[in-house]
Amino acid sequence: MATKKSSGTLKIRWVRSFIGCPRNMRQTIRGMGFRRMNQLIERPDTPSIRGMIARVHHLVQIEE
């Protein structure tokens, strides 16, 4: 799924729109901190962030 960085953070990019997705997926994208498409955010590698990524894995991409 996602590769773990040595610093303990993940770089996540939002690559696909959530138009037509259920509300819980929209809330997950917003809850991770995304505001616009193709935005790159850096989040700590925690089980809660991993769970959010697993829920919307088809909408986001993990960067190296």
PDB file of N, CA and C in Angstrom:
ATOM      1  N   MET A   1       0.841  -1.183   0.000  1.00  0.00           N
ATOM      2  CA  MET A   1       0.000   0.000   0.000  1.00  0.00           C
ATOM      3  C   MET A   1       0.883   1.242   0.000  1.00  0.00           C
ATOM      4  N   ALA A   2       1.324   1.708   1.144  1.00  0.00           N
ATOM      5  CA  ALA A   2       2.125   2.913   1.236  1.00  0.00           C
ATOM      6  C   ALA A   2       3.503   2.557   1.777  1.00  0.00           C
ATOM      7  N   THR A   3       4.485   3.304   1.308  1.00  0.00           N
ATOM      8  CA  THR A   3       5.833   3.063   1.799  1.00  0.00           C
ATOM      9  C   THR A   3       6.116   3.995   2.961  1.00  0.00           C
ATOM     10  N   LYS A   4       6.821   3.498   3.944  1.00  0.00           N
ATOM     11  CA  LYS A   4       7.114   4.286   5.130  1.00  0.00           C
ATOM     12  C   LYS A   4       8.417   5.050   4.926  1.00  0.00           C
ATOM     13  N   LYS A   5       8.388   6.335   5.167  1.00  0.00           N
ATOM     14  CA  LYS A   5       9.567   7.163   5.068  1.00  0.00           C
ATOM     15  C   LYS A   5      10.417   6.999   6.322  1.00  0.00           C
ATOM     16  N   SER A   6      11.698   7.275   6.209  1.00  0.00           N
ATOM     17  CA  SER A   6      12.583   7.129   7.363  1.00  0.00           C
ATOM     18  C   SER A   6      12.241   8.145   8.453  1.00  0.00           C
ATOM     19  N   SER A   7      11.669   9.296   8.060  1.00  0.00           N
ATOM     20  CA  SER A   7      11.325  10.321   9.038  1.00  0.00           C
ATOM     21  C   SER A   7       9.984  10.058   9.712  1.00  0.00           C
ATOM     22  N   GLY A   8       9.256   9.011   9.268  1.00  0.00           N
ATOM     23  CA  GLY A   8       7.971   8.691   9.872  1.00  0.00           C
ATOM     24  C   GLY A   8       6.820   9.502   9.325  1.00  0.00           C
ATOM     25  N   THR A   9       6.972  10.057   8.120  1.00  0.00           N
ATOM     26  CA  THR A   9       5.889  10.824   7.515  1.00  0.00           C
ATOM     27  C   THR A   9       5.550  10.249   6.152  1.00  0.00           C
ATOM     28  N   LEU A  10       4.323  10.514   5.712  1.00  0.00           N
ATOM     29  CA  LEU A  10       3.852  10.094   4.400  1.00  0.00           C
ATOM     30  C   LEU A  10       3.503  11.329   3.582  1.00  0.00           C
ATOM     31  N   LYS A  11       3.897  11.337   2.322  1.00  0.00           N
ATOM     32  CA  LYS A  11       3.489  12.398   1.407  1.00  0.00           C
ATOM     33  C   LYS A  11       2.353  11.839   0.568  1.00  0.00           C
ATOM     34  N   ILE A  12       1.219  12.499   0.636  1.00  0.00           N
ATOM     35  CA  ILE A  12      -0.005  12.008  -0.002  1.00  0.00           C
ATOM     36  C   ILE A  12      -0.502  13.065  -0.981  1.00  0.00           C
ATOM     37  N   ARG A  13      -0.857  12.635  -2.191  1.00  0.00           N
ATOM     38  CA  ARG A  13      -1.397  13.549  -3.199  1.00  0.00           C
ATOM     39  C   ARG A  13      -2.810  13.106  -3.560  1.00  0.00           C
ATOM     40  N   TRP A  14      -3.725  14.075  -3.626  1.00  0.00           N
ATOM     41  CA  TRP A  14      -5.114  13.819  -4.025  1.00  0.00           C
ATOM     42  C   TRP A  14      -5.173  13.901  -5.544  1.00  0.00           C
ATOM     43  N   VAL A  15      -5.447  12.768  -6.218  1.00  0.00           N
ATOM     44  CA  VAL A  15      -5.342  12.713  -7.674  1.00  0.00           C
ATOM     45  C   VAL A  15      -6.669  12.518  -8.404  1.00  0.00           C
ATOM     46  N   ARG A  16      -7.706  12.007  -7.740  1.00  0.00           N
ATOM     47  CA  ARG A  16      -8.996  11.798  -8.397  1.00  0.00           C
ATOM     48  C   ARG A  16     -10.101  12.491  -7.621  1.00  0.00           C
ATOM     49  N   SER A  17     -11.055  13.038  -8.366  1.00  0.00           N
ATOM     50  CA  SER A  17     -12.150  13.776  -7.756  1.00  0.00           C
ATOM     51  C   SER A  17     -13.074  12.851  -6.977  1.00  0.00           C
ATOM     52  N   PHE A  18     -13.706  13.407  -5.954  1.00  0.00           N
ATOM     53  CA  PHE A  18     -14.663  12.616  -5.179  1.00  0.00           C
ATOM     54  C   PHE A  18     -16.105  12.879  -5.609  1.00  0.00           C
ATOM     55  N   ILE A  19     -16.303  13.488  -6.782  1.00  0.00           N
ATOM     56  CA  ILE A  19     -17.654  13.679  -7.303  1.00  0.00           C
ATOM     57  C   ILE A  19     -18.273  12.307  -7.545  1.00  0.00           C
ATOM     58  N   GLY A  20     -19.443  12.076  -7.009  1.00  0.00           N
ATOM     59  CA  GLY A  20     -20.109  10.799  -7.154  1.00  0.00           C
ATOM     60  C   GLY A  20     -19.768   9.794  -6.067  1.00  0.00           C
ATOM     61  N   CYS A  21     -18.859  10.150  -5.166  1.00  0.00           N
ATOM     62  CA  CYS A  21     -18.484   9.258  -4.066  1.00  0.00           C
ATOM     63  C   CYS A  21     -19.421   9.480  -2.882  1.00  0.00           C
ATOM     64  N   PRO A  22     -19.540   8.493  -2.019  1.00  0.00           N
ATOM     65  CA  PRO A  22     -20.361   8.669  -0.820  1.00  0.00           C
ATOM     66  C   PRO A  22     -19.809   9.769   0.093  1.00  0.00           C
ATOM     67  N   ARG A  23     -20.669  10.268   0.941  1.00  0.00           N
ATOM     68  CA  ARG A  23     -20.307  11.380   1.820  1.00  0.00           C
ATOM     69  C   ARG A  23     -19.143  11.041   2.750  1.00  0.00           C
ATOM     70  N   ASN A  24     -19.074   9.783   3.224  1.00  0.00           N
ATOM     71  CA  ASN A  24     -17.997   9.446   4.145  1.00  0.00           C
ATOM     72  C   ASN A  24     -16.624   9.528   3.468  1.00  0.00           C
ATOM     73  N   MET A  25     -16.551   9.256   2.170  1.00  0.00           N
ATOM     74  CA  MET A  25     -15.281   9.401   1.449  1.00  0.00           C
ATOM     75  C   MET A  25     -14.907  10.869   1.301  1.00  0.00           C
ATOM     76  N   ARG A  26     -15.886  11.713   1.040  1.00  0.00           N
ATOM     77  CA  ARG A  26     -15.637  13.159   0.960  1.00  0.00           C
ATOM     78  C   ARG A  26     -15.115  13.679   2.296  1.00  0.00           C
ATOM     79  N   GLN A  27     -15.737  13.226   3.377  1.00  0.00           N
ATOM     80  CA  GLN A  27     -15.318  13.672   4.704  1.00  0.00           C
ATOM     81  C   GLN A  27     -13.924  13.165   5.049  1.00  0.00           C
ATOM     82  N   THR A  28     -13.577  11.980   4.572  1.00  0.00           N
ATOM     83  CA  THR A  28     -12.245  11.449   4.817  1.00  0.00           C
ATOM     84  C   THR A  28     -11.193  12.289   4.100  1.00  0.00           C
ATOM     85  N   ILE A  29     -11.450  12.645   2.843  1.00  0.00           N
ATOM     86  CA  ILE A  29     -10.512  13.486   2.085  1.00  0.00           C
ATOM     87  C   ILE A  29     -10.331  14.825   2.787  1.00  0.00           C
ATOM     88  N   ARG A  30     -11.429  15.444   3.186  1.00  0.00           N
ATOM     89  CA  ARG A  30     -11.351  16.734   3.877  1.00  0.00           C
ATOM     90  C   ARG A  30     -10.689  16.581   5.247  1.00  0.00           C
ATOM     91  N   GLY A  31     -10.959  15.480   5.924  1.00  0.00           N
ATOM     92  CA  GLY A  31     -10.375  15.239   7.242  1.00  0.00           C
ATOM     93  C   GLY A  31      -8.874  15.044   7.200  1.00  0.00           C
ATOM     94  N   MET A  32      -8.362  14.557   6.082  1.00  0.00           N
ATOM     95  CA  MET A  32      -6.912  14.405   5.943  1.00  0.00           C
ATOM     96  C   MET A  32      -6.241  15.751   5.715  1.00  0.00           C
ATOM     97  N   GLY A  33      -7.017  16.765   5.343  1.00  0.00           N
ATOM     98  CA  GLY A  33      -6.465  18.109   5.187  1.00  0.00           C
ATOM     99  C   GLY A  33      -6.410  18.604   3.762  1.00  0.00           C
ATOM    100  N   PHE A  34      -6.979  17.860   2.825  1.00  0.00           N
ATOM    101  CA  PHE A  34      -6.960  18.298   1.432  1.00  0.00           C
ATOM    102  C   PHE A  34      -7.972  19.415   1.212  1.00  0.00           C
ATOM    103  N   ARG A  35      -7.584  20.400   0.391  1.00  0.00           N
ATOM    104  CA  ARG A  35      -8.473  21.502   0.032  1.00  0.00           C
ATOM    105  C   ARG A  35      -8.712  21.560  -1.472  1.00  0.00           C
ATOM    106  N   ARG A  36      -7.779  21.041  -2.271  1.00  0.00           N
ATOM    107  CA  ARG A  36      -7.934  21.090  -3.727  1.00  0.00           C
ATOM    108  C   ARG A  36      -7.232  19.890  -4.367  1.00  0.00           C
ATOM    109  N   MET A  37      -7.606  19.607  -5.597  1.00  0.00           N
ATOM    110  CA  MET A  37      -7.030  18.487  -6.340  1.00  0.00           C
ATOM    111  C   MET A  37      -5.541  18.711  -6.569  1.00  0.00           C
ATOM    112  N   ASN A  38      -4.797  17.614  -6.660  1.00  0.00           N
ATOM    113  CA  ASN A  38      -3.350  17.598  -6.890  1.00  0.00           C
ATOM    114  C   ASN A  38      -2.562  18.288  -5.787  1.00  0.00           C
ATOM    115  N   GLN A  39      -3.174  18.486  -4.657  1.00  0.00           N
ATOM    116  CA  GLN A  39      -2.477  19.050  -3.506  1.00  0.00           C
ATOM    117  C   GLN A  39      -1.651  17.947  -2.855  1.00  0.00           C
ATOM    118  N   LEU A  40      -0.439  18.287  -2.447  1.00  0.00           N
ATOM    119  CA  LEU A  40       0.446  17.341  -1.777  1.00  0.00           C
ATOM    120  C   LEU A  40       0.526  17.727  -0.310  1.00  0.00           C
ATOM    121  N   ILE A  41       0.188  16.775   0.569  1.00  0.00           N
ATOM    122  CA  ILE A  41       0.269  17.030   2.003  1.00  0.00           C
ATOM    123  C   ILE A  41       1.215  16.021   2.626  1.00  0.00           C
ATOM    124  N   GLU A  42       1.749  16.368   3.767  1.00  0.00           N
ATOM    125  CA  GLU A  42       2.632  15.480   4.503  1.00  0.00           C
ATOM    126  C   GLU A  42       2.004  15.210   5.866  1.00  0.00           C
ATOM    127  N   ARG A  43       1.781  13.952   6.158  1.00  0.00           N
ATOM    128  CA  ARG A  43       1.135  13.543   7.407  1.00  0.00           C
ATOM    129  C   ARG A  43       2.001  12.504   8.109  1.00  0.00           C
ATOM    130  N   PRO A  44       1.916  12.436   9.437  1.00  0.00           N
ATOM    131  CA  PRO A  44       2.681  11.418  10.165  1.00  0.00           C
ATOM    132  C   PRO A  44       2.167  10.020   9.823  1.00  0.00           C
ATOM    133  N   ASP A  45       3.067   9.067   9.855  1.00  0.00           N
ATOM    134  CA  ASP A  45       2.715   7.680   9.533  1.00  0.00           C
ATOM    135  C   ASP A  45       2.146   7.019  10.780  1.00  0.00           C
ATOM    136  N   THR A  46       0.827   7.191  10.973  1.00  0.00           N
ATOM    137  CA  THR A  46       0.137   6.628  12.132  1.00  0.00           C
ATOM    138  C   THR A  46      -0.953   5.681  11.647  1.00  0.00           C
ATOM    139  N   PRO A  47      -1.430   4.798  12.509  1.00  0.00           N
ATOM    140  CA  PRO A  47      -2.507   3.889  12.104  1.00  0.00           C
ATOM    141  C   PRO A  47      -3.775   4.619  11.649  1.00  0.00           C
ATOM    142  N   SER A  48      -4.088   5.755  12.239  1.00  0.00           N
ATOM    143  CA  SER A  48      -5.302   6.473  11.838  1.00  0.00           C
ATOM    144  C   SER A  48      -5.163   7.041  10.427  1.00  0.00           C
ATOM    145  N   ILE A  49      -4.000   7.574  10.085  1.00  0.00           N
ATOM    146  CA  ILE A  49      -3.773   8.084   8.730  1.00  0.00           C
ATOM    147  C   ILE A  49      -3.761   6.927   7.734  1.00  0.00           C
ATOM    148  N   ARG A  50      -3.156   5.806   8.112  1.00  0.00           N
ATOM    149  CA  ARG A  50      -3.151   4.623   7.243  1.00  0.00           C
ATOM    150  C   ARG A  50      -4.578   4.138   6.978  1.00  0.00           C
ATOM    151  N   GLY A  51      -5.437   4.194   7.991  1.00  0.00           N
ATOM    152  CA  GLY A  51      -6.828   3.799   7.819  1.00  0.00           C
ATOM    153  C   GLY A  51      -7.580   4.735   6.889  1.00  0.00           C
ATOM    154  N   MET A  52      -7.291   6.038   6.988  1.00  0.00           N
ATOM    155  CA  MET A  52      -7.916   7.006   6.089  1.00  0.00           C
ATOM    156  C   MET A  52      -7.475   6.759   4.644  1.00  0.00           C
ATOM    157  N   ILE A  53      -6.194   6.484   4.461  1.00  0.00           N
ATOM    158  CA  ILE A  53      -5.680   6.202   3.122  1.00  0.00           C
ATOM    159  C   ILE A  53      -6.331   4.935   2.573  1.00  0.00           C
ATOM    160  N   ALA A  54      -6.500   3.922   3.403  1.00  0.00           N
ATOM    161  CA  ALA A  54      -7.118   2.668   2.962  1.00  0.00           C
ATOM    162  C   ALA A  54      -8.556   2.887   2.521  1.00  0.00           C
ATOM    163  N   ARG A  55      -9.250   3.810   3.160  1.00  0.00           N
ATOM    164  CA  ARG A  55     -10.645   4.073   2.823  1.00  0.00           C
ATOM    165  C   ARG A  55     -10.786   4.765   1.470  1.00  0.00           C
ATOM    166  N   VAL A  56      -9.832   5.617   1.117  1.00  0.00           N
ATOM    167  CA  VAL A  56      -9.913   6.374  -0.141  1.00  0.00           C
ATOM    168  C   VAL A  56      -8.695   6.102  -1.025  1.00  0.00           C
ATOM    169  N   HIS A  57      -8.192   4.878  -0.998  1.00  0.00           N
ATOM    170  CA  HIS A  57      -6.961   4.537  -1.722  1.00  0.00           C
ATOM    171  C   HIS A  57      -7.072   4.764  -3.226  1.00  0.00           C
ATOM    172  N   HIS A  58      -8.272   4.729  -3.776  1.00  0.00           N
ATOM    173  CA  HIS A  58      -8.461   4.938  -5.208  1.00  0.00           C
ATOM    174  C   HIS A  58      -8.499   6.420  -5.587  1.00  0.00           C
ATOM    175  N   LEU A  59      -8.519   7.300  -4.594  1.00  0.00           N
ATOM    176  CA  LEU A  59      -8.551   8.746  -4.864  1.00  0.00           C
ATOM    177  C   LEU A  59      -7.224   9.432  -4.577  1.00  0.00           C
ATOM    178  N   VAL A  60      -6.346   8.791  -3.838  1.00  0.00           N
ATOM    179  CA  VAL A  60      -5.080   9.400  -3.446  1.00  0.00           C
ATOM    180  C   VAL A  60      -3.909   8.566  -3.956  1.00  0.00           C
ATOM    181  N   GLN A  61      -2.722   9.179  -3.902  1.00  0.00           N
ATOM    182  CA  GLN A  61      -1.508   8.513  -4.325  1.00  0.00           C
ATOM    183  C   GLN A  61      -0.421   8.830  -3.305  1.00  0.00           C
ATOM    184  N   ILE A  62       0.380   7.831  -2.951  1.00  0.00           N
ATOM    185  CA  ILE A  62       1.476   8.031  -2.020  1.00  0.00           C
ATOM    186  C   ILE A  62       2.711   8.396  -2.832  1.00  0.00           C
ATOM    187  N   GLU A  63       3.355   9.515  -2.473  1.00  0.00           N
ATOM    188  CA  GLU A  63       4.555   9.973  -3.162  1.00  0.00           C
ATOM    189  C   GLU A  63       5.794   9.436  -2.472  1.00  0.00           C
ATOM    190  N   GLU A  64       6.841   9.298  -3.225  1.00  0.00           N
ATOM    191  CA  GLU A  64       8.132   8.845  -2.662  1.00  0.00           C
ATOM    192  C   GLU A  64       8.878  10.007  -2.056  1.00  0.00           C
TER     193      GLU A  64
END
